[in-house]
Amino acid sequence: MNNPGLLQRIFKLQEHGTTARTEVIAGFTTFLTMVYIVFVNPQILGAAGMNTQAVFVTTCLIAAFGSILMGLVANLPVALAPAMGLNAFFAFVVVGAMGISWQVGMGAIFWGATGLLLLTLFRVRYWMIANIPLSLRVGITAGIGLFIAMIGLKNAGIVVANPETLVAVGHLTSHSVLLGALGFFIIAILASRNIHIAVLVSIVVTTLIGLALGDVKYGGVFSAPTGVTSIIGQVDLAGSLNVGMAGIIFSFMLVNLFDSSGTLVGVTDKAGLTDEKGTFPRMKQALYVDSISSVVGSYIGTSSVTAYIESSSGVAIGGRTGLMAVVTGILFLLVMFLSPLAGMVPPYAAAGALIYVGVLMTSSLTRIKWEDLTEAVPAFVTAIMMPFSFSITEGIALGFISYCVMKLGSGRWREITPCVVIVALLFILKIVFIDAS
């Protein structure tokens, strides 16, 4: 980092109107806004029976790998890390509700990521992004947001199971409910005041209060990274490659496609790098990097990897090149030595972050043309069925099918793209021949 000439040649700082100092500060800012994932991801995957200390290390490793690779290969100010939403779907639905082992479930994520890489290599990814309607893309995003929020409400004890009414409000005076709610409002209030490290502040404050109340045991701050052999090499690739897992694999692939692609466009647009068509420089390299990172991430047991919208916090203070992403990646490597802190974070401390992510993701529903029921109904069905069916796969399936039904029923069948027809038919075949068997 001490050789301006080298940094200039690699990242073309002057051409982008930035300096090494600005990029380093932007990278540090981005890191602070997204470092919460190293505390939240182990908790979520731990619910699937995975070793949380090992997941902490692999989360740091893949965030470093993806971010540094994005910076060096694509020279874009975009950091990567394990995706929120898909990790919850994996842990609470695929493993928890369906009873599939985490090894097989992680194998499904691997094949979904491999499918995404193949779609990128053969340029099908661009065709799918361009041909899947906005209403379905928004419905998927909002549905995942509602799904994540429900997991957060459950982890905090704000919402509990009830045999009479399905769900009910928990004990509102318990530590978990009060601190989970406090964590959420800390994030929401700080974020409304444009304080980018809101999530990190919330996790720290609620964990410290939990420590004072005796809910949390102090385990130290620094330690050498934990061994990761309990998860790396344990993914069951053969066991997950079967017809019964097809819908899950396809869902992982489809969600990762929209999530990462949409974030890349959003961050580069904020950086002033996109054109009027939404394309940006080195787009092909960026899509390759995020696809490869997802494959590697699932193989080492961290779920799908995606570009993080938190990168926009670094862009907002001047980050314009891949140097910002490289700095973020290096900081993720350093944080591996803080693993005892991850073990201290109670579920309710991370719950506020999950609920807040739900707020951000459901805000996309404003883009729907609600006066057009052929667009509104599919978006609504997609979004609402994810939390109600406790399955991202079913939400996507019913969304695509309802889109075709609405367009056909209203005589607007010409608006159905071949891509939507193919996806809807695949899901119908899954329902008829796999779910019904």
Protein backbone atom coordinates (compact mmCIF):
# COMPACT_ATOMS: atom_id res chain seq x y z
CA MET A 1 0.00 0.00 0.00
CA ASN A 2 3.07 2.27 0.22
CA ASN A 3 3.78 2.38 -3.50
CA PRO A 4 1.53 4.97 -5.16
CA GLY A 5 2.95 4.07 -8.57
CA LEU A 6 1.98 0.43 -8.19
CA LEU A 7 -1.48 1.28 -6.90
CA GLN A 8 -1.96 3.73 -9.74
CA ARG A 9 -1.06 1.09 -12.34
CA ILE A 10 -3.30 -1.59 -10.82
CA PHE A 11 -6.35 0.48 -9.92
CA LYS A 12 -6.01 3.54 -12.20
CA LEU A 13 -6.75 5.91 -9.34
CA GLN A 14 -6.23 9.18 -11.24
CA GLU A 15 -8.50 8.09 -14.08
CA HIS A 16 -11.27 7.54 -11.54
CA GLY A 17 -10.65 10.84 -9.78
CA THR A 18 -9.62 9.32 -6.46
CA THR A 19 -6.58 8.76 -4.26
CA ALA A 20 -5.14 5.85 -2.30
CA ARG A 21 -6.04 7.57 0.98
CA THR A 22 -9.66 8.02 -0.08
CA GLU A 23 -9.92 4.39 -1.19
CA VAL A 24 -8.46 3.10 2.07
CA ILE A 25 -10.91 5.16 4.14
CA ALA A 26 -13.77 3.99 1.91
CA GLY A 27 -12.67 0.37 2.33
CA PHE A 28 -12.54 0.73 6.10
CA THR A 29 -16.00 2.33 6.10
CA THR A 30 -17.43 -0.48 3.97
CA PHE A 31 -15.90 -3.05 6.29
CA LEU A 32 -17.50 -1.48 9.36
CA THR A 33 -20.94 -1.46 7.70
CA MET A 34 -20.85 -5.14 6.70
CA VAL A 35 -18.68 -6.78 9.38
CA TYR A 36 -21.90 -7.75 11.17
CA ILE A 37 -22.10 -10.73 8.79
CA VAL A 38 -19.22 -12.45 10.61
CA PHE A 39 -21.36 -12.45 13.77
CA VAL A 40 -24.75 -13.15 12.19
CA ASN A 41 -23.79 -15.84 9.66
CA PRO A 42 -22.29 -18.24 12.24
CA GLN A 43 -25.44 -17.90 14.35
CA ILE A 44 -27.72 -18.72 11.45
CA LEU A 45 -25.66 -21.62 10.11
CA GLY A 46 -25.12 -22.82 13.67
CA ALA A 47 -28.87 -23.46 13.81
CA ALA A 48 -28.25 -26.06 11.08
CA GLY A 49 -25.77 -27.89 13.29
CA MET A 50 -22.60 -26.39 11.85
CA ASN A 51 -19.64 -25.47 14.05
CA THR A 52 -20.11 -21.73 14.68
CA GLN A 53 -16.43 -21.01 15.34
CA ALA A 54 -15.44 -22.68 12.08
CA VAL A 55 -18.19 -20.81 10.21
CA PHE A 56 -16.86 -17.55 11.66
CA VAL A 57 -13.45 -18.27 10.14
CA THR A 58 -14.77 -19.40 6.75
CA THR A 59 -17.10 -16.38 6.61
CA CYS A 60 -14.09 -14.11 7.07
CA LEU A 61 -12.09 -16.09 4.48
CA ILE A 62 -14.73 -16.00 1.75
CA ALA A 63 -15.52 -12.32 2.35
CA ALA A 64 -11.80 -11.59 1.99
CA PHE A 65 -11.45 -13.83 -1.07
CA GLY A 66 -14.47 -12.41 -2.91
CA SER A 67 -13.75 -8.77 -2.07
CA ILE A 68 -10.05 -8.91 -2.98
CA LEU A 69 -10.80 -10.82 -6.17
CA MET A 70 -13.46 -8.26 -7.16
CA GLY A 71 -10.98 -5.45 -6.55
CA LEU A 72 -8.12 -7.00 -8.48
CA VAL A 73 -10.03 -8.57 -11.39
CA ALA A 74 -12.90 -6.13 -11.96
CA ASN A 75 -11.44 -3.01 -10.28
CA LEU A 76 -14.85 -2.13 -8.85
CA PRO A 77 -15.67 -0.67 -5.39
CA VAL A 78 -17.81 -3.66 -4.45
CA ALA A 79 -17.24 -5.98 -1.49
CA LEU A 80 -18.63 -9.53 -1.27
CA ALA A 81 -19.71 -11.77 1.62
CA PRO A 82 -22.19 -14.61 2.37
CA ALA A 83 -25.73 -13.62 1.40
CA MET A 84 -28.38 -12.86 3.98
CA GLY A 85 -31.63 -14.64 3.20
CA LEU A 86 -30.21 -17.71 1.53
CA ASN A 87 -28.34 -18.61 4.70
CA ALA A 88 -31.61 -18.41 6.68
CA PHE A 89 -33.46 -20.44 4.03
CA PHE A 90 -30.72 -23.07 4.19
CA ALA A 91 -30.62 -23.29 7.99
CA PHE A 92 -34.28 -22.96 8.96
CA VAL A 93 -36.07 -24.50 5.98
CA VAL A 94 -33.80 -26.90 4.09
CA VAL A 95 -32.13 -28.28 7.23
CA GLY A 96 -34.57 -27.36 10.00
CA ALA A 97 -38.01 -27.90 8.45
CA MET A 98 -37.18 -30.42 5.70
CA GLY A 99 -34.79 -32.46 7.82
CA ILE A 100 -32.00 -32.50 5.24
CA SER A 101 -28.46 -32.71 6.63
CA TRP A 102 -26.41 -29.53 6.42
CA GLN A 103 -23.86 -31.38 4.29
CA VAL A 104 -26.47 -32.20 1.64
CA GLY A 105 -28.08 -28.75 1.94
CA MET A 106 -24.76 -27.01 1.43
CA GLY A 107 -24.21 -29.28 -1.57
CA ALA A 108 -27.45 -27.91 -3.04
CA ILE A 109 -26.10 -24.38 -2.59
CA PHE A 110 -22.91 -25.48 -4.36
CA TRP A 111 -24.82 -26.81 -7.38
CA GLY A 112 -26.95 -23.67 -7.47
CA ALA A 113 -23.79 -21.55 -7.48
CA THR A 114 -22.29 -23.78 -10.18
CA GLY A 115 -25.44 -23.30 -12.25
CA LEU A 116 -25.09 -19.53 -11.81
CA LEU A 117 -21.48 -19.73 -12.99
CA LEU A 118 -22.53 -21.70 -16.07
CA LEU A 119 -25.30 -19.20 -16.82
CA THR A 120 -22.67 -16.47 -16.63
CA LEU A 121 -20.19 -18.32 -18.84
CA PHE A 122 -22.81 -18.95 -21.53
CA ARG A 123 -24.29 -15.45 -21.16
CA VAL A 124 -27.71 -16.85 -20.24
CA ARG A 125 -27.54 -14.82 -17.05
CA TYR A 126 -27.87 -11.56 -18.99
CA TRP A 127 -30.88 -12.96 -20.89
CA MET A 128 -32.65 -14.04 -17.69
CA ILE A 129 -32.06 -10.68 -15.96
CA ALA A 130 -33.49 -8.86 -18.98
CA ASN A 131 -36.50 -11.15 -19.42
CA ILE A 132 -37.86 -11.75 -15.93
CA PRO A 133 -40.47 -9.05 -15.14
CA LEU A 134 -39.86 -6.36 -12.55
CA SER A 135 -42.88 -7.49 -10.52
CA LEU A 136 -41.36 -10.94 -9.97
CA ARG A 137 -37.87 -9.59 -9.24
CA VAL A 138 -39.30 -7.18 -6.68
CA GLY A 139 -41.58 -9.85 -5.23
CA ILE A 140 -38.62 -12.17 -4.71
CA THR A 141 -36.57 -9.45 -3.01
CA ALA A 142 -39.43 -8.36 -0.76
CA GLY A 143 -40.38 -11.92 0.08
CA ILE A 144 -36.86 -12.74 1.21
CA GLY A 145 -36.95 -9.57 3.30
CA LEU A 146 -40.16 -10.67 5.02
CA PHE A 147 -38.71 -14.14 5.51
CA ILE A 148 -35.54 -12.76 7.12
CA ALA A 149 -37.56 -10.38 9.31
CA MET A 150 -39.68 -13.28 10.56
CA ILE A 151 -36.52 -15.19 11.51
CA GLY A 152 -35.33 -12.10 13.41
CA LEU A 153 -38.66 -11.75 15.24
CA LYS A 154 -38.51 -15.44 16.14
CA ASN A 155 -34.90 -15.28 17.37
CA ALA A 156 -35.75 -12.33 19.61
CA GLY A 157 -38.84 -14.10 20.97
CA ILE A 158 -41.09 -11.32 19.75
CA VAL A 159 -43.06 -13.86 17.70
CA VAL A 160 -43.61 -17.40 19.00
CA ALA A 161 -45.46 -20.48 17.76
CA ASN A 162 -49.07 -20.96 18.82
CA PRO A 163 -51.13 -24.07 17.94
CA GLU A 164 -54.38 -22.09 17.95
CA THR A 165 -53.36 -19.07 15.88
CA LEU A 166 -50.14 -20.37 14.24
CA VAL A 167 -48.16 -17.44 15.68
CA ALA A 168 -48.50 -15.14 18.67
CA VAL A 169 -46.64 -12.37 20.47
CA GLY A 170 -44.01 -13.61 22.92
CA HIS A 171 -43.31 -12.42 26.47
CA LEU A 172 -42.78 -8.72 25.88
CA THR A 173 -40.96 -8.18 29.18
CA SER A 174 -38.29 -10.85 28.62
CA HIS A 175 -34.64 -9.89 28.08
CA SER A 176 -34.57 -11.28 24.55
CA VAL A 177 -37.65 -9.36 23.40
CA LEU A 178 -36.63 -6.07 24.99
CA LEU A 179 -33.02 -6.24 23.77
CA GLY A 180 -34.03 -7.53 20.33
CA ALA A 181 -36.41 -4.58 19.95
CA LEU A 182 -33.78 -2.20 21.31
CA GLY A 183 -31.24 -3.51 18.81
CA PHE A 184 -33.63 -2.95 15.92
CA PHE A 185 -34.47 0.61 16.92
CA ILE A 186 -30.80 1.45 17.46
CA ILE A 187 -30.13 0.40 13.87
CA ALA A 188 -33.19 2.15 12.45
CA ILE A 189 -32.51 5.43 14.28
CA LEU A 190 -28.78 5.51 13.51
CA ALA A 191 -29.40 4.57 9.88
CA SER A 192 -31.97 7.36 9.57
CA ARG A 193 -29.20 9.72 10.69
CA ASN A 194 -26.87 8.29 8.00
CA ILE A 195 -24.57 6.57 10.51
CA HIS A 196 -23.18 3.72 8.43
CA ILE A 197 -22.04 1.47 11.28
CA ALA A 198 -25.54 1.26 12.75
CA VAL A 199 -25.73 -2.55 12.65
CA LEU A 200 -22.35 -3.01 14.30
CA VAL A 201 -23.22 -0.50 17.03
CA SER A 202 -26.50 -2.32 17.71
CA ILE A 203 -24.83 -5.73 18.05
CA VAL A 204 -22.15 -4.34 20.37
CA VAL A 205 -24.60 -2.45 22.60
CA THR A 206 -27.10 -5.30 23.00
CA THR A 207 -24.33 -7.85 23.59
CA LEU A 208 -22.78 -5.65 26.31
CA ILE A 209 -26.18 -5.27 27.98
CA GLY A 210 -26.66 -9.02 27.76
CA LEU A 211 -23.24 -9.44 29.39
CA ALA A 212 -24.29 -7.13 32.24
CA LEU A 213 -27.56 -9.06 32.70
CA GLY A 214 -25.76 -12.41 32.80
CA ASP A 215 -27.16 -13.67 29.48
CA VAL A 216 -23.71 -13.61 27.88
CA LYS A 217 -20.47 -15.15 29.11
CA TYR A 218 -17.22 -13.31 28.43
CA GLY A 219 -14.90 -15.47 26.34
CA GLY A 220 -12.04 -13.14 25.60
CA VAL A 221 -11.27 -11.02 22.56
CA PHE A 222 -8.31 -12.41 20.64
CA SER A 223 -7.43 -15.97 19.64
CA ALA A 224 -5.86 -17.84 16.76
CA PRO A 225 -8.38 -18.79 14.05
CA THR A 226 -10.25 -22.00 14.83
CA GLY A 227 -9.68 -25.04 12.65
CA VAL A 228 -12.20 -25.43 9.85
CA THR A 229 -11.91 -29.13 9.06
CA SER A 230 -15.32 -29.71 10.64
CA ILE A 231 -16.98 -28.04 7.66
CA ILE A 232 -14.46 -27.72 4.80
CA GLY A 233 -14.49 -30.93 2.80
CA GLN A 234 -17.71 -32.13 4.47
CA VAL A 235 -20.12 -30.85 1.80
CA ASP A 236 -22.04 -33.75 0.23
CA LEU A 237 -21.97 -32.95 -3.48
CA ALA A 238 -23.15 -36.38 -4.64
CA GLY A 239 -25.99 -36.65 -2.12
CA SER A 240 -27.40 -33.24 -3.08
CA LEU A 241 -27.40 -33.91 -6.81
CA ASN A 242 -30.76 -35.62 -7.13
CA VAL A 243 -34.19 -34.87 -8.53
CA GLY A 244 -35.69 -34.25 -5.09
CA MET A 245 -33.31 -31.35 -4.53
CA ALA A 246 -33.92 -29.78 -7.96
CA GLY A 247 -36.34 -27.10 -6.75
CA ILE A 248 -34.05 -26.07 -3.91
CA ILE A 249 -31.00 -25.91 -6.17
CA PHE A 250 -32.91 -23.85 -8.73
CA SER A 251 -34.15 -21.46 -6.02
CA PHE A 252 -30.65 -20.90 -4.66
CA MET A 253 -29.44 -20.16 -8.19
CA LEU A 254 -32.32 -17.84 -9.09
CA VAL A 255 -32.21 -15.80 -5.88
CA ASN A 256 -28.43 -15.41 -6.04
CA LEU A 257 -28.73 -14.29 -9.67
CA PHE A 258 -31.08 -11.42 -8.84
CA ASP A 259 -29.50 -10.50 -5.52
CA SER A 260 -25.94 -10.15 -6.72
CA SER A 261 -26.74 -8.68 -10.14
CA GLY A 262 -29.08 -6.09 -8.66
CA THR A 263 -26.55 -5.07 -6.01
CA LEU A 264 -23.74 -4.73 -8.55
CA VAL A 265 -25.89 -2.40 -10.66
CA GLY A 266 -27.00 -0.41 -7.61
CA VAL A 267 -23.51 0.17 -6.20
CA THR A 268 -21.89 0.98 -9.53
CA ASP A 269 -24.74 3.36 -10.33
CA LYS A 270 -24.13 5.19 -7.04
CA ALA A 271 -20.44 5.40 -7.99
CA GLY A 272 -21.40 6.99 -11.33
CA LEU A 273 -20.05 4.06 -13.35
CA THR A 274 -23.23 2.81 -15.05
CA ASP A 275 -24.66 3.99 -18.35
CA GLU A 276 -28.31 4.58 -19.25
CA LYS A 277 -28.80 0.84 -19.89
CA GLY A 278 -27.56 -0.11 -16.43
CA THR A 279 -24.32 -1.66 -17.66
CA PHE A 280 -20.98 -0.77 -16.12
CA PRO A 281 -17.27 -1.24 -16.95
CA ARG A 282 -15.87 -4.76 -16.55
CA MET A 283 -19.36 -6.12 -15.95
CA LYS A 284 -18.40 -9.54 -17.31
CA GLN A 285 -15.42 -9.81 -14.96
CA ALA A 286 -17.58 -8.75 -12.00
CA LEU A 287 -20.22 -11.39 -12.74
CA TYR A 288 -17.52 -14.05 -13.06
CA VAL A 289 -16.03 -13.04 -9.71
CA ASP A 290 -19.32 -13.16 -7.83
CA SER A 291 -20.22 -16.53 -9.44
CA ILE A 292 -16.85 -18.09 -8.63
CA SER A 293 -16.99 -16.71 -5.09
CA SER A 294 -20.39 -18.36 -4.58
CA VAL A 295 -19.04 -21.72 -5.73
CA VAL A 296 -16.01 -21.46 -3.42
CA GLY A 297 -18.11 -20.13 -0.54
CA SER A 298 -20.57 -23.01 -0.65
CA TYR A 299 -17.77 -25.56 -0.90
CA ILE A 300 -16.13 -24.26 2.27
CA GLY A 301 -19.47 -24.09 4.06
CA THR A 302 -20.57 -20.45 4.17
CA SER A 303 -23.60 -20.46 1.82
CA SER A 304 -23.90 -18.37 -1.35
CA VAL A 305 -21.76 -15.25 -1.69
CA THR A 306 -23.10 -12.00 -3.08
CA ALA A 307 -22.17 -8.37 -3.64
CA TYR A 308 -23.11 -6.26 -0.61
CA ILE A 309 -25.20 -3.11 -0.90
CA GLU A 310 -23.23 -1.84 2.12
CA SER A 311 -20.45 -1.15 -0.39
CA SER A 312 -22.41 2.01 -1.21
CA SER A 313 -21.32 3.44 2.15
CA GLY A 314 -17.72 3.42 0.93
CA VAL A 315 -18.76 4.77 -2.44
CA ALA A 316 -20.61 7.60 -0.69
CA ILE A 317 -17.34 8.91 0.78
CA GLY A 318 -15.37 8.63 -2.45
CA GLY A 319 -14.55 4.98 -3.15
CA ARG A 320 -14.36 4.48 -6.91
CA THR A 321 -11.96 1.60 -7.58
CA GLY A 322 -11.16 -1.95 -6.62
CA LEU A 323 -8.66 -0.71 -4.04
CA MET A 324 -11.62 -0.05 -1.76
CA ALA A 325 -12.74 -3.68 -2.09
CA VAL A 326 -9.20 -4.98 -1.51
CA VAL A 327 -8.89 -2.96 1.71
CA THR A 328 -12.23 -4.35 2.89
CA GLY A 329 -11.07 -7.88 2.11
CA ILE A 330 -7.81 -7.45 4.04
CA LEU A 331 -9.74 -6.23 7.09
CA PHE A 332 -11.90 -9.36 6.94
CA LEU A 333 -8.71 -11.42 7.15
CA LEU A 334 -7.61 -9.52 10.24
CA VAL A 335 -10.96 -9.92 12.01
CA MET A 336 -10.46 -13.72 12.00
CA PHE A 337 -8.39 -13.24 15.15
CA LEU A 338 -11.46 -11.92 17.02
CA SER A 339 -13.40 -15.19 16.99
CA PRO A 340 -14.17 -15.18 20.76
CA LEU A 341 -16.29 -12.06 20.21
CA ALA A 342 -18.47 -13.92 17.70
CA GLY A 343 -19.20 -16.60 20.25
CA MET A 344 -20.45 -14.00 22.72
CA VAL A 345 -23.16 -12.53 20.49
CA PRO A 346 -26.59 -13.82 21.67
CA PRO A 347 -29.38 -14.53 19.16
CA TYR A 348 -31.37 -11.45 20.17
CA ALA A 349 -28.38 -9.19 19.45
CA ALA A 350 -28.40 -10.27 15.81
CA ALA A 351 -32.22 -10.27 15.59
CA GLY A 352 -32.38 -6.49 15.17
CA ALA A 353 -30.11 -6.72 12.12
CA LEU A 354 -32.34 -9.38 10.55
CA ILE A 355 -35.48 -7.31 11.07
CA TYR A 356 -33.76 -4.23 9.66
CA VAL A 357 -32.65 -6.14 6.55
CA GLY A 358 -36.31 -7.02 6.12
CA VAL A 359 -37.22 -3.33 6.16
CA LEU A 360 -34.67 -2.55 3.47
CA MET A 361 -35.69 -5.42 1.20
CA THR A 362 -39.45 -4.92 1.43
CA SER A 363 -39.07 -1.24 0.53
CA SER A 364 -38.67 -2.36 -3.10
CA LEU A 365 -42.43 -3.03 -3.22
CA THR A 366 -42.93 0.67 -3.99
CA ARG A 367 -41.71 -0.10 -7.52
CA ILE A 368 -44.75 -2.28 -8.26
CA LYS A 369 -47.57 -0.87 -10.39
CA TRP A 370 -50.28 -1.73 -7.88
CA GLU A 371 -53.02 -0.43 -10.14
CA ASP A 372 -52.16 -3.20 -12.63
CA LEU A 373 -53.37 -6.41 -10.99
CA THR A 374 -51.54 -8.59 -13.53
CA GLU A 375 -48.32 -7.21 -12.04
CA ALA A 376 -49.47 -6.63 -8.46
CA VAL A 377 -50.90 -10.11 -7.80
CA PRO A 378 -47.75 -12.07 -8.79
CA ALA A 379 -45.55 -9.70 -6.75
CA PHE A 380 -47.88 -10.06 -3.75
CA VAL A 381 -48.09 -13.85 -4.05
CA THR A 382 -44.31 -14.18 -4.36
CA ALA A 383 -43.61 -11.92 -1.38
CA ILE A 384 -46.29 -13.16 0.98
CA MET A 385 -45.88 -16.89 0.33
CA MET A 386 -42.22 -16.95 1.33
CA PRO A 387 -42.82 -16.21 5.03
CA PHE A 388 -46.25 -17.90 5.13
CA SER A 389 -45.00 -21.14 3.56
CA PHE A 390 -41.62 -20.74 5.29
CA SER A 391 -39.98 -21.43 1.94
CA ILE A 392 -38.27 -19.20 -0.58
CA THR A 393 -38.67 -21.96 -3.19
CA GLU A 394 -42.46 -22.10 -2.88
CA GLY A 395 -42.73 -18.32 -2.99
CA ILE A 396 -40.77 -18.14 -6.23
CA ALA A 397 -42.69 -21.05 -7.75
CA LEU A 398 -46.14 -19.67 -6.96
CA GLY A 399 -45.06 -16.20 -8.08
CA PHE A 400 -44.03 -17.36 -11.56
CA ILE A 401 -47.10 -19.54 -11.95
CA SER A 402 -49.46 -16.75 -10.82
CA TYR A 403 -47.82 -14.34 -13.27
CA CYS A 404 -48.66 -16.67 -16.16
CA VAL A 405 -52.20 -17.22 -14.86
CA MET A 406 -52.88 -13.49 -14.52
CA LYS A 407 -51.49 -12.58 -17.92
CA LEU A 408 -53.31 -15.44 -19.66
CA GLY A 409 -56.57 -14.77 -17.84
CA SER A 410 -56.52 -11.08 -18.73
CA GLY A 411 -55.73 -11.73 -22.40
CA ARG A 412 -52.25 -10.24 -22.14
CA TRP A 413 -50.37 -13.47 -22.88
CA ARG A 414 -47.99 -11.66 -25.24
CA GLU A 415 -46.38 -10.04 -22.20
CA ILE A 416 -45.22 -13.43 -20.90
CA THR A 417 -41.58 -13.88 -21.86
CA PRO A 418 -40.19 -17.30 -22.85
CA CYS A 419 -37.96 -17.15 -19.76
CA VAL A 420 -40.99 -16.85 -17.44
CA VAL A 421 -42.78 -19.69 -19.25
CA ILE A 422 -39.76 -22.00 -18.91
CA VAL A 423 -39.30 -21.24 -15.20
CA ALA A 424 -43.04 -21.62 -14.47
CA LEU A 425 -43.19 -24.95 -16.31
CA LEU A 426 -40.17 -26.25 -14.41
CA PHE A 427 -41.83 -25.40 -11.12
CA ILE A 428 -45.13 -27.00 -12.22
CA LEU A 429 -43.26 -30.18 -13.12
CA LYS A 430 -41.59 -30.09 -9.70
CA ILE A 431 -44.96 -29.74 -7.94
CA VAL A 432 -46.62 -32.50 -9.97
CA PHE A 433 -43.87 -35.10 -10.09
CA ILE A 434 -41.72 -34.40 -7.03
CA ASP A 435 -43.82 -32.71 -4.34
CA ALA A 436 -46.85 -34.91 -5.05
CA SER A 437 -44.88 -38.16 -4.93
